[in-house]
C-alpha atoms as a PDB file:
ATOM      1  CA  UNK A   1      45.009 -89.777 150.953  1.00  0.00           C
ATOM      2  CA  UNK A   2      41.724 -91.665 151.125  1.00  0.00           C
ATOM      3  CA  UNK A   3      38.818 -90.637 149.008  1.00  0.00           C
ATOM      4  CA  UNK A   4      35.726 -89.378 150.826  1.00  0.00           C
ATOM      5  CA  UNK A   5      33.798 -92.675 150.503  1.00  0.00           C
ATOM      6  CA  UNK A   6      34.008 -93.590 154.174  1.00  0.00           C
ATOM      7  CA  UNK A   7      31.576 -94.882 156.764  1.00  0.00           C
ATOM      8  CA  UNK A   8      32.577 -92.511 159.583  1.00  0.00           C
ATOM      9  CA  UNK A   9      34.228 -89.211 158.760  1.00  0.00           C
ATOM     10  CA  UNK A  10      35.628 -86.785 161.316  1.00  0.00           C
ATOM     11  CA  UNK A  11      35.410 -83.016 160.970  1.00  0.00           C
ATOM     12  CA  UNK A  12      37.923 -81.330 163.268  1.00  0.00           C
ATOM     13  CA  UNK A  13      37.230 -77.635 163.758  1.00  0.00           C
ATOM     14  CA  UNK A  14      40.111 -75.353 164.717  1.00  0.00           C
ATOM     15  CA  UNK A  15      39.393 -72.117 162.872  1.00  0.00           C
ATOM     16  CA  UNK A  16      39.202 -69.650 165.745  1.00  0.00           C
ATOM     17  CA  UNK A  17      41.525 -66.716 166.302  1.00  0.00           C
ATOM     18  CA  UNK A  18      42.314 -67.534 169.930  1.00  0.00           C
ATOM     19  CA  UNK A  19      41.360 -64.073 171.178  1.00  0.00           C
ATOM     20  CA  UNK A  20      40.865 -65.123 174.794  1.00  0.00           C
ATOM     21  CA  UNK A  21      44.172 -66.973 174.821  1.00  0.00           C
ATOM     22  CA  UNK A  22      46.055 -64.306 172.915  1.00  0.00           C
ATOM     23  CA  UNK A  23      47.342 -66.754 170.284  1.00  0.00           C
ATOM     24  CA  UNK A  24      46.167 -69.340 167.748  1.00  0.00           C
ATOM     25  CA  UNK A  25      46.017 -72.402 170.007  1.00  0.00           C
ATOM     26  CA  UNK A  26      45.987 -74.796 167.050  1.00  0.00           C
ATOM     27  CA  UNK A  27      49.756 -74.875 166.734  1.00  0.00           C
ATOM     28  CA  UNK A  28      50.828 -74.067 170.281  1.00  0.00           C
ATOM     29  CA  UNK A  29      53.266 -76.585 171.703  1.00  0.00           C
ATOM     30  CA  UNK A  30      51.668 -79.005 174.150  1.00  0.00           C
ATOM     31  CA  UNK A  31      53.861 -81.731 175.535  1.00  0.00           C
ATOM     32  CA  UNK A  32      56.216 -81.592 172.563  1.00  0.00           C
ATOM     33  CA  UNK A  33      53.698 -81.433 169.722  1.00  0.00           C
ATOM     34  CA  UNK A  34      51.083 -78.968 168.423  1.00  0.00           C
ATOM     35  CA  UNK A  35      47.727 -78.888 170.202  1.00  0.00           C
ATOM     36  CA  UNK A  36      45.931 -80.019 167.050  1.00  0.00           C
ATOM     37  CA  UNK A  37      48.210 -83.042 166.708  1.00  0.00           C
ATOM     38  CA  UNK A  38      46.885 -84.671 169.861  1.00  0.00           C
ATOM     39  CA  UNK A  39      43.383 -85.301 168.525  1.00  0.00           C
ATOM     40  CA  UNK A  40      44.475 -85.834 164.922  1.00  0.00           C
ATOM     41  CA  UNK A  41      46.910 -88.556 165.990  1.00  0.00           C
ATOM     42  CA  UNK A  42      44.068 -90.371 167.770  1.00  0.00           C
ATOM     43  CA  UNK A  43      41.716 -90.068 164.802  1.00  0.00           C
ATOM     44  CA  UNK A  44      44.458 -91.219 162.423  1.00  0.00           C
ATOM     45  CA  UNK A  45      45.012 -94.328 164.527  1.00  0.00           C
ATOM     46  CA  UNK A  46      41.336 -95.113 165.126  1.00  0.00           C
ATOM     47  CA  UNK A  47      39.998 -98.105 163.255  1.00  0.00           C
ATOM     48  CA  UNK A  48      36.527 -96.517 163.356  1.00  0.00           C
ATOM     49  CA  UNK A  49      37.469 -93.375 161.425  1.00  0.00           C
ATOM     50  CA  UNK A  50      38.041 -93.575 157.690  1.00  0.00           C
ATOM     51  CA  UNK A  51      38.401 -89.940 156.704  1.00  0.00           C
ATOM     52  CA  UNK A  52      39.254 -86.634 158.346  1.00  0.00           C
ATOM     53  CA  UNK A  53      38.478 -83.056 157.333  1.00  0.00           C
ATOM     54  CA  UNK A  54      40.556 -80.406 159.089  1.00  0.00           C
ATOM     55  CA  UNK A  55      39.011 -76.936 159.248  1.00  0.00           C
ATOM     56  CA  UNK A  56      41.444 -74.098 159.977  1.00  0.00           C
ATOM     57  CA  UNK A  57      41.619 -70.316 159.984  1.00  0.00           C
ATOM     58  CA  UNK A  58      42.463 -68.992 156.528  1.00  0.00           C
ATOM     59  CA  UNK A  59      45.859 -67.804 157.756  1.00  0.00           C
ATOM     60  CA  UNK A  60      46.749 -71.312 158.953  1.00  0.00           C
ATOM     61  CA  UNK A  61      45.907 -73.389 155.875  1.00  0.00           C
ATOM     62  CA  UNK A  62      49.455 -73.727 154.547  1.00  0.00           C
ATOM     63  CA  UNK A  63      50.815 -74.532 157.982  1.00  0.00           C
ATOM     64  CA  UNK A  64      48.083 -77.100 158.486  1.00  0.00           C
ATOM     65  CA  UNK A  65      48.728 -78.815 155.157  1.00  0.00           C
ATOM     66  CA  UNK A  66      52.426 -78.976 155.970  1.00  0.00           C
ATOM     67  CA  UNK A  67      51.666 -80.579 159.332  1.00  0.00           C
ATOM     68  CA  UNK A  68      49.421 -83.176 157.654  1.00  0.00           C
ATOM     69  CA  UNK A  69      52.368 -84.247 155.511  1.00  0.00           C
ATOM     70  CA  UNK A  70      54.929 -84.131 158.317  1.00  0.00           C
ATOM     71  CA  UNK A  71      52.877 -86.285 160.664  1.00  0.00           C
ATOM     72  CA  UNK A  72      51.674 -88.710 158.018  1.00  0.00           C
ATOM     73  CA  UNK A  73      47.954 -88.161 158.533  1.00  0.00           C
ATOM     74  CA  UNK A  74      46.927 -90.238 155.526  1.00  0.00           C
ATOM     75  CA  UNK A  75      43.237 -90.182 156.510  1.00  0.00           C
ATOM     76  CA  UNK A  76      42.972 -86.424 155.955  1.00  0.00           C
ATOM     77  CA  UNK A  77      40.847 -85.973 152.852  1.00  0.00           C
ATOM     78  CA  UNK A  78      40.728 -82.162 152.999  1.00  0.00           C
ATOM     79  CA  UNK A  79      42.132 -79.123 154.788  1.00  0.00           C
ATOM     80  CA  UNK A  80      39.674 -76.284 154.352  1.00  0.00           C
ATOM     81  CA  UNK A  81      39.048 -72.736 155.488  1.00  0.00           C
ATOM     82  CA  UNK A  82      36.719 -71.986 158.370  1.00  0.00           C
ATOM     83  CA  UNK A  83      34.085 -69.281 158.530  1.00  0.00           C
ATOM     84  CA  UNK A  84      33.179 -66.327 160.720  1.00  0.00           C
ATOM     85  CA  UNK A  85      31.192 -68.460 163.152  1.00  0.00           C
ATOM     86  CA  UNK A  86      31.864 -71.976 164.397  1.00  0.00           C
ATOM     87  CA  UNK A  87      28.722 -73.184 162.619  1.00  0.00           C
ATOM     88  CA  UNK A  88      30.113 -71.758 159.362  1.00  0.00           C
ATOM     89  CA  UNK A  89      33.324 -73.706 159.885  1.00  0.00           C
ATOM     90  CA  UNK A  90      31.459 -76.956 160.505  1.00  0.00           C
ATOM     91  CA  UNK A  91      29.316 -76.341 157.419  1.00  0.00           C
ATOM     92  CA  UNK A  92      32.464 -75.860 155.317  1.00  0.00           C
ATOM     93  CA  UNK A  93      33.849 -79.126 156.668  1.00  0.00           C
ATOM     94  CA  UNK A  94      30.629 -81.006 155.952  1.00  0.00           C
ATOM     95  CA  UNK A  95      30.802 -79.930 152.317  1.00  0.00           C
ATOM     96  CA  UNK A  96      34.016 -81.983 151.981  1.00  0.00           C
ATOM     97  CA  UNK A  97      32.371 -85.165 153.269  1.00  0.00           C
ATOM     98  CA  UNK A  98      30.519 -86.941 150.488  1.00  0.00           C
ATOM     99  CA  UNK A  99      29.116 -90.395 151.236  1.00  0.00           C
ATOM    100  CA  UNK A 100      29.787 -91.232 154.874  1.00  0.00           C
ATOM    101  CA  UNK A 101      26.973 -92.668 156.962  1.00  0.00           C
ATOM    102  CA  UNK A 102      28.093 -90.851 160.102  1.00  0.00           C
ATOM    103  CA  UNK A 103      30.136 -87.771 160.868  1.00  0.00           C
ATOM    104  CA  UNK A 104      32.042 -87.066 164.080  1.00  0.00           C
ATOM    105  CA  UNK A 105      32.572 -83.383 164.873  1.00  0.00           C
ATOM    106  CA  UNK A 106      35.386 -82.519 167.266  1.00  0.00           C
ATOM    107  CA  UNK A 107      36.930 -79.288 168.526  1.00  0.00           C
ATOM    108  CA  UNK A 108      40.628 -79.103 167.770  1.00  0.00           C
ATOM    109  CA  UNK A 109      41.017 -77.200 171.045  1.00  0.00           C
ATOM    110  CA  UNK A 110      40.118 -80.408 172.929  1.00  0.00           C
ATOM    111  CA  UNK A 111      43.430 -82.257 172.627  1.00  0.00           C
ATOM    112  CA  UNK A 112      42.692 -85.204 174.894  1.00  0.00           C
ATOM    113  CA  UNK A 113      40.357 -87.140 172.622  1.00  0.00           C
ATOM    114  CA  UNK A 114      40.425 -90.894 173.300  1.00  0.00           C
ATOM    115  CA  UNK A 115      39.523 -93.993 171.350  1.00  0.00           C
ATOM    116  CA  UNK A 116      36.883 -94.746 173.975  1.00  0.00           C
ATOM    117  CA  UNK A 117      35.155 -91.401 173.359  1.00  0.00           C
ATOM    118  CA  UNK A 118      35.150 -92.132 169.636  1.00  0.00           C
ATOM    119  CA  UNK A 119      33.919 -95.710 169.956  1.00  0.00           C
ATOM    120  CA  UNK A 120      31.278 -94.903 172.576  1.00  0.00           C
ATOM    121  CA  UNK A 121      29.977 -92.059 170.426  1.00  0.00           C
ATOM    122  CA  UNK A 122      29.643 -94.265 167.372  1.00  0.00           C
ATOM    123  CA  UNK A 123      27.864 -96.911 169.440  1.00  0.00           C
ATOM    124  CA  UNK A 124      25.458 -94.335 170.892  1.00  0.00           C
ATOM    125  CA  UNK A 125      24.673 -92.640 167.579  1.00  0.00           C
ATOM    126  CA  UNK A 126      23.151 -95.849 166.263  1.00  0.00           C
ATOM    127  CA  UNK A 127      20.319 -95.421 168.771  1.00  0.00           C
ATOM    128  CA  UNK A 128      19.064 -91.946 167.841  1.00  0.00           C
ATOM    129  CA  UNK A 129      21.192 -90.626 164.987  1.00  0.00           C
ATOM    130  CA  UNK A 130      22.735 -87.981 167.253  1.00  0.00           C
ATOM    131  CA  UNK A 131      25.107 -88.618 170.184  1.00  0.00           C
ATOM    132  CA  UNK A 132      27.087 -86.170 172.287  1.00  0.00           C
ATOM    133  CA  UNK A 133      29.786 -86.660 174.917  1.00  0.00           C
ATOM    134  CA  UNK A 134      28.858 -84.994 178.209  1.00  0.00           C
ATOM    135  CA  UNK A 135      29.763 -85.099 181.900  1.00  0.00           C
ATOM    136  CA  UNK A 136      27.684 -84.360 185.021  1.00  0.00           C
ATOM    137  CA  UNK A 137      27.901 -80.842 186.437  1.00  0.00           C
ATOM    138  CA  UNK A 138      29.918 -80.826 189.652  1.00  0.00           C
ATOM    139  CA  UNK A 139      29.015 -77.369 190.936  1.00  0.00           C
ATOM    140  CA  UNK A 140      25.674 -75.769 191.725  1.00  0.00           C
ATOM    141  CA  UNK A 141      24.468 -73.672 188.798  1.00  0.00           C
ATOM    142  CA  UNK A 142      22.432 -70.461 189.065  1.00  0.00           C
ATOM    143  CA  UNK A 143      20.278 -68.697 186.490  1.00  0.00           C
ATOM    144  CA  UNK A 144      20.435 -64.916 186.805  1.00  0.00           C
ATOM    145  CA  UNK A 145      18.797 -61.872 185.284  1.00  0.00           C
ATOM    146  CA  UNK A 146      20.559 -58.909 183.666  1.00  0.00           C
ATOM    147  CA  UNK A 147      21.133 -57.356 187.090  1.00  0.00           C
ATOM    148  CA  UNK A 148      22.912 -60.452 188.337  1.00  0.00           C
ATOM    149  CA  UNK A 149      20.065 -61.490 190.618  1.00  0.00           C
ATOM    150  CA  UNK A 150      19.326 -65.221 190.903  1.00  0.00           C
ATOM    151  CA  UNK A 151      16.106 -66.250 189.177  1.00  0.00           C
ATOM    152  CA  UNK A 152      16.445 -70.020 189.442  1.00  0.00           C
ATOM    153  CA  UNK A 153      18.655 -72.777 190.843  1.00  0.00           C
ATOM    154  CA  UNK A 154      18.337 -75.796 188.523  1.00  0.00           C
ATOM    155  CA  UNK A 155      18.569 -79.285 189.986  1.00  0.00           C
ATOM    156  CA  UNK A 156      22.208 -80.258 189.519  1.00  0.00           C
ATOM    157  CA  UNK A 157      21.439 -83.923 188.972  1.00  0.00           C
ATOM    158  CA  UNK A 158      19.799 -83.280 185.605  1.00  0.00           C
ATOM    159  CA  UNK A 159      22.502 -80.947 184.263  1.00  0.00           C
ATOM    160  CA  UNK A 160      25.350 -81.985 181.982  1.00  0.00           C
ATOM    161  CA  UNK A 161      28.359 -80.183 180.515  1.00  0.00           C
ATOM    162  CA  UNK A 162      28.497 -80.917 176.808  1.00  0.00           C
ATOM    163  CA  UNK A 163      31.780 -81.757 175.099  1.00  0.00           C
ATOM    164  CA  UNK A 164      32.949 -83.004 171.744  1.00  0.00           C
ATOM    165  CA  UNK A 165      33.099 -85.401 170.010  1.00  0.00           C
ATOM    166  CA  UNK A 166      29.544 -85.125 168.790  1.00  0.00           C
ATOM    167  CA  UNK A 167      28.494 -87.841 166.351  1.00  0.00           C
ATOM    168  CA  UNK A 168      25.592 -87.645 163.909  1.00  0.00           C
ATOM    169  CA  UNK A 169      24.069 -89.406 160.984  1.00  0.00           C
ATOM    170  CA  UNK A 170      25.377 -87.323 158.140  1.00  0.00           C
ATOM    171  CA  UNK A 171      21.945 -86.790 156.600  1.00  0.00           C
ATOM    172  CA  UNK A 172      20.521 -85.551 159.925  1.00  0.00           C
ATOM    173  CA  UNK A 173      23.297 -83.039 160.507  1.00  0.00           C
ATOM    174  CA  UNK A 174      23.090 -81.729 156.959  1.00  0.00           C
ATOM    175  CA  UNK A 175      19.320 -81.346 157.183  1.00  0.00           C
ATOM    176  CA  UNK A 176      19.687 -79.534 160.518  1.00  0.00           C
ATOM    177  CA  UNK A 177      22.246 -77.146 159.077  1.00  0.00           C
ATOM    178  CA  UNK A 178      19.920 -76.298 156.210  1.00  0.00           C
ATOM    179  CA  UNK A 179      17.307 -75.105 158.710  1.00  0.00           C
ATOM    180  CA  UNK A 180      19.577 -72.948 160.892  1.00  0.00           C
ATOM    181  CA  UNK A 181      18.059 -69.724 162.205  1.00  0.00           C
ATOM    182  CA  UNK A 182      20.374 -67.674 164.388  1.00  0.00           C
ATOM    183  CA  UNK A 183      23.792 -68.415 165.876  1.00  0.00           C
ATOM    184  CA  UNK A 184      24.858 -71.594 167.665  1.00  0.00           C
ATOM    185  CA  UNK A 185      28.049 -72.697 169.389  1.00  0.00           C
ATOM    186  CA  UNK A 186      27.026 -76.341 169.634  1.00  0.00           C
ATOM    187  CA  UNK A 187      26.122 -78.739 166.831  1.00  0.00           C
ATOM    188  CA  UNK A 188      23.734 -80.762 168.959  1.00  0.00           C
ATOM    189  CA  UNK A 189      21.665 -77.615 169.606  1.00  0.00           C
ATOM    190  CA  UNK A 190      21.293 -77.213 165.847  1.00  0.00           C
ATOM    191  CA  UNK A 191      20.082 -80.808 165.576  1.00  0.00           C
ATOM    192  CA  UNK A 192      17.696 -80.296 168.518  1.00  0.00           C
ATOM    193  CA  UNK A 193      16.078 -77.254 166.910  1.00  0.00           C
ATOM    194  CA  UNK A 194      15.529 -79.353 163.793  1.00  0.00           C
ATOM    195  CA  UNK A 195      13.367 -81.694 165.870  1.00  0.00           C
ATOM    196  CA  UNK A 196      15.725 -84.615 166.472  1.00  0.00           C
ATOM    197  CA  UNK A 197      16.445 -86.362 169.768  1.00  0.00           C
ATOM    198  CA  UNK A 198      20.034 -86.194 171.009  1.00  0.00           C
ATOM    199  CA  UNK A 199      21.562 -89.009 173.084  1.00  0.00           C
ATOM    200  CA  UNK A 200      24.147 -88.024 175.696  1.00  0.00           C
ATOM    201  CA  UNK A 201      26.880 -90.531 176.449  1.00  0.00           C
ATOM    202  CA  UNK A 202      29.588 -90.497 179.105  1.00  0.00           C
ATOM    203  CA  UNK A 203      32.314 -87.974 178.370  1.00  0.00           C
ATOM    204  CA  UNK A 204      35.603 -87.475 180.192  1.00  0.00           C
ATOM    205  CA  UNK A 205      36.516 -84.736 182.675  1.00  0.00           C
ATOM    206  CA  UNK A 206      40.022 -84.822 181.205  1.00  0.00           C
ATOM    207  CA  UNK A 207      38.624 -83.943 177.787  1.00  0.00           C
ATOM    208  CA  UNK A 208      39.118 -80.230 178.440  1.00  0.00           C
ATOM    209  CA  UNK A 209      38.857 -77.395 175.956  1.00  0.00           C
ATOM    210  CA  UNK A 210      41.759 -74.958 175.789  1.00  0.00           C
ATOM    211  CA  UNK A 211      40.268 -71.473 175.794  1.00  0.00           C
ATOM    212  CA  UNK A 212      42.280 -69.455 178.317  1.00  0.00           C
ATOM    213  CA  UNK A 213      45.858 -69.369 179.588  1.00  0.00           C
ATOM    214  CA  UNK A 214      44.704 -71.262 182.687  1.00  0.00           C
ATOM    215  CA  UNK A 215      43.335 -74.034 180.456  1.00  0.00           C
ATOM    216  CA  UNK A 216      46.704 -74.304 178.731  1.00  0.00           C
ATOM    217  CA  UNK A 217      48.492 -74.707 182.068  1.00  0.00           C
ATOM    218  CA  UNK A 218      46.044 -77.463 183.067  1.00  0.00           C
ATOM    219  CA  UNK A 219      46.514 -79.141 179.679  1.00  0.00           C
ATOM    220  CA  UNK A 220      50.278 -79.159 180.184  1.00  0.00           C
ATOM    221  CA  UNK A 221      49.741 -81.032 183.455  1.00  0.00           C
ATOM    222  CA  UNK A 222      47.515 -83.617 181.752  1.00  0.00           C
ATOM    223  CA  UNK A 223      49.997 -83.995 178.883  1.00  0.00           C
ATOM    224  CA  UNK A 224      52.852 -84.719 181.293  1.00  0.00           C
ATOM    225  CA  UNK A 225      50.805 -87.417 182.997  1.00  0.00           C
ATOM    226  CA  UNK A 226      50.052 -89.064 179.682  1.00  0.00           C
END
């Protein structure tokens, strides 16, 4: 394994319990290999990534370490336990990254990571210190009140659906995490509340997140095409 002295480290978060899917999606078979293997294989082969931290549920640590060995992921510098919230899991992963200039955070439940998403994110992060993959919203979006009544219809042209990878200067992300107040499901929101500007770059509609059974069926279709 590499030591943690790398320019760009990746923290892959896959520590959820898969409640909405009814199973831990990390190791579900997708096109002949575990879901987590799709993104890890890309990161392992990327010339831009020098170290990987894999964050898993505590019950999956041994299985994850075994998979690292079986698939020859030599860039993995640590396999660590996640926390109660996603932000806790990312924080645990960041603690294993020591001297990288940048850190790329990716959801393990997004199997269709590409080298282009990685490279474009690293290029974009040089501009502001924080860069996030995102795609334009296709449907009209409504804001509603607690009774389900529409309060606002935002202009669709200025809306984006945020994805991962999200790439940050390591010092910015660490500083932002030190100032957290409340719960967040998105790392860029944590950086925003710390006062930093976040650059959005072009994501990929195929870069789906597996959350429900329907997502898994769609992912199987994408996997067969690839």
